[in-house]
Amino acid sequence: MMLTNRSSRILLPVRNSFVIGSLLVALVLHFVPMGRFYAIPDFVALVLAFWCVREPLMVGMGMAFLLGVIVDVAHGAVMGQHALAYVLLAYASIVMSRRLLWFSPSAQALHMVPVFLGAQIVMLVVRLLVGGRFPGWTYFFSSFTTAALWMPVHYILLIPQMRPIDRDDNRPI
């Protein structure tokens, strides 16, 4: 396993408005109708997990619960299905955050597959407990597509924080 963080760039502090804006964009993408495609990534879970890993003091389980309730109401799903899954996803992401930041974005994506899969299993168990049908094994493909989007989302969401690379002989950093 490679434990090197290859980036030598210093990141600026993230703005609260950017975090909330990115979560709102994820909500909008989540509500775009995509037909019966079985591997649709869960954009809300992806962006929520990213910010829980990068900024665990700013985005946490309260935000996860709020987003889950919004998704439950909008989809007409079992109340609390997404909320419970997103809270557990946020908890797992926050617990793993200090360790995950030592890995490259591709290794982070591999570490996040079980987390996304666990969130889907929680949603499925809640759905089955209230009398829903098993959607089939293709239901779990979205965990892998969500994890596959970790790398592009990682770079896209860090762009506003990146400090320009300029050499200054008078500054040590």
Foldseek 3Di string as FASTA:
>chain_A
DDQADPDPFDFADDDPVLLVVQLVVLVVVQPDDDDPDQQAANSNLLSLLVCLLVPVPNRALVNQLVVQQVVCVVVVHDRCLSSVLSNQLSVVSNVCNVVLNSDDQLVSLVVCLVSLLSSQVSSQVVCVVVPHDDPDPSNSNNSNVSSVCSVVVVVVSRVVGTDDDDDDPVDPD
